[in-house]
Amino acid sequence: MTVLSIWPKTINEAVELMIDTISEIDKQELLNTNKEELYRFHYSLGMLICGWFGLYNGNKTLLEACALTREKELERLLFLNDPEEAAAIIIEALWQRLQAEIHVPV
């Protein structure tokens, strides 16, 4: 198993890396998407997240962090081995961060 120190270990680290990496156009497209439609990014941005962050290659720490977002123990156990679901969790966290940045209280 390959473990790279550059892989993010938390959802927040993954989101920070995504904010620093993706284009402004991609951020805007994500920002303008309703939460219920985030699934549209699973086969594009989601696959990039899986590759960039080692979700297919042994980044168990980030997989576990994503799984821990689920309330039910069975879901947590299932998500421990599901890179695509982890990527979806990261996409939603990225979307939430972008939404928060755009709606900063005065």
Protein backbone atom coordinates (compact mmCIF):
# COMPACT_ATOMS: atom_id res chain seq x y z
CA MET A 1 0.00 0.00 0.00
CA THR A 2 1.33 3.41 -0.97
CA VAL A 3 0.99 6.18 1.57
CA LEU A 4 1.96 9.66 0.47
CA SER A 5 2.39 12.44 2.97
CA ILE A 6 0.92 14.88 0.44
CA TRP A 7 -2.46 13.19 0.60
CA PRO A 8 -4.97 15.08 2.73
CA LYS A 9 -5.94 13.36 5.94
CA THR A 10 -9.12 15.30 6.70
CA ILE A 11 -12.10 16.55 4.71
CA ASN A 12 -11.07 20.12 5.53
CA GLU A 13 -7.56 19.54 4.12
CA ALA A 14 -9.09 18.04 0.98
CA VAL A 15 -11.41 21.02 0.57
CA GLU A 16 -8.53 23.47 1.03
CA LEU A 17 -6.52 21.67 -1.65
CA MET A 18 -9.51 21.71 -4.00
CA ILE A 19 -10.04 25.44 -3.47
CA ASP A 20 -6.38 26.03 -4.27
CA THR A 21 -6.44 23.73 -7.31
CA ILE A 22 -9.66 23.99 -9.29
CA SER A 23 -10.30 26.85 -11.67
CA GLU A 24 -12.50 29.83 -10.90
CA ILE A 25 -14.86 28.63 -13.63
CA ASP A 26 -15.22 25.25 -11.90
CA LYS A 27 -15.76 26.96 -8.54
CA GLN A 28 -18.46 29.14 -10.05
CA GLU A 29 -20.19 26.17 -11.67
CA LEU A 30 -20.14 24.29 -8.38
CA LEU A 31 -21.35 27.36 -6.50
CA ASN A 32 -24.27 27.82 -8.89
CA THR A 33 -25.41 24.21 -8.51
CA ASN A 34 -28.19 23.22 -6.12
CA LYS A 35 -27.14 20.78 -3.41
CA GLU A 36 -29.55 18.17 -4.82
CA GLU A 37 -27.72 18.31 -8.17
CA LEU A 38 -24.16 17.83 -6.90
CA TYR A 39 -24.30 14.27 -8.24
CA ARG A 40 -23.51 15.81 -11.66
CA PHE A 41 -19.91 16.21 -10.50
CA HIS A 42 -19.37 12.60 -9.38
CA TYR A 43 -17.96 11.35 -12.69
CA SER A 44 -15.73 14.36 -13.30
CA LEU A 45 -14.59 16.13 -10.16
CA GLY A 46 -15.29 13.04 -8.09
CA MET A 47 -12.94 10.88 -10.14
CA LEU A 48 -10.25 13.56 -9.92
CA ILE A 49 -10.63 13.65 -6.14
CA CYS A 50 -10.31 9.87 -5.95
CA GLY A 51 -7.09 10.00 -7.95
CA TRP A 52 -5.50 13.13 -6.50
CA PHE A 53 -6.16 12.24 -2.89
CA GLY A 54 -5.31 8.55 -3.06
CA LEU A 55 -8.78 7.25 -2.33
CA TYR A 56 -8.18 4.35 -4.74
CA ASN A 57 -4.60 3.86 -3.58
CA GLY A 58 -4.61 3.52 0.17
CA ASN A 59 -5.55 6.85 1.76
CA LYS A 60 -7.45 5.06 4.51
CA THR A 61 -7.23 8.10 6.79
CA LEU A 62 -9.29 10.27 4.45
CA LEU A 63 -11.70 7.41 3.71
CA GLU A 64 -12.24 7.01 7.44
CA ALA A 65 -12.74 10.76 7.93
CA CYS A 66 -15.43 10.70 5.25
CA ALA A 67 -17.09 7.60 6.68
CA LEU A 68 -17.28 9.23 10.11
CA THR A 69 -19.61 11.89 8.70
CA ARG A 70 -22.36 9.27 8.59
CA GLU A 71 -24.56 8.80 11.65
CA LYS A 72 -25.38 5.13 11.25
CA GLU A 73 -22.68 2.60 12.04
CA LEU A 74 -23.58 0.40 9.05
CA GLU A 75 -23.17 3.36 6.68
CA ARG A 76 -19.81 4.22 8.26
CA LEU A 77 -18.61 0.66 7.74
CA LEU A 78 -19.78 0.61 4.11
CA PHE A 79 -18.20 3.98 3.31
CA LEU A 80 -14.80 2.93 4.69
CA ASN A 81 -14.24 1.11 1.40
CA ASP A 82 -16.07 3.41 -0.99
CA PRO A 83 -13.82 6.01 -2.67
CA GLU A 84 -16.65 7.37 -4.81
CA GLU A 85 -18.83 8.04 -1.76
CA ALA A 86 -15.88 9.71 -0.03
CA ALA A 87 -15.42 11.93 -3.09
CA ALA A 88 -19.12 12.85 -2.96
CA ILE A 89 -18.72 13.86 0.68
CA ILE A 90 -15.72 16.02 -0.23
CA ILE A 91 -17.63 17.62 -3.13
CA GLU A 92 -20.48 18.50 -0.79
CA ALA A 93 -18.03 19.93 1.77
CA LEU A 94 -16.40 21.98 -1.00
CA TRP A 95 -19.82 23.22 -2.12
CA GLN A 96 -20.68 24.18 1.47
CA ARG A 97 -17.40 26.08 1.84
CA LEU A 98 -17.98 27.99 -1.38
CA GLN A 99 -21.54 28.79 -0.29
CA ALA A 100 -20.26 30.06 3.08
CA GLU A 101 -17.64 32.25 1.44
CA ILE A 102 -20.18 33.85 -0.87
CA HIS A 103 -22.70 34.48 1.95
CA VAL A 104 -20.37 36.10 4.48
CA PRO A 105 -22.38 38.15 7.00
CA VAL A 106 -21.70 41.89 7.01
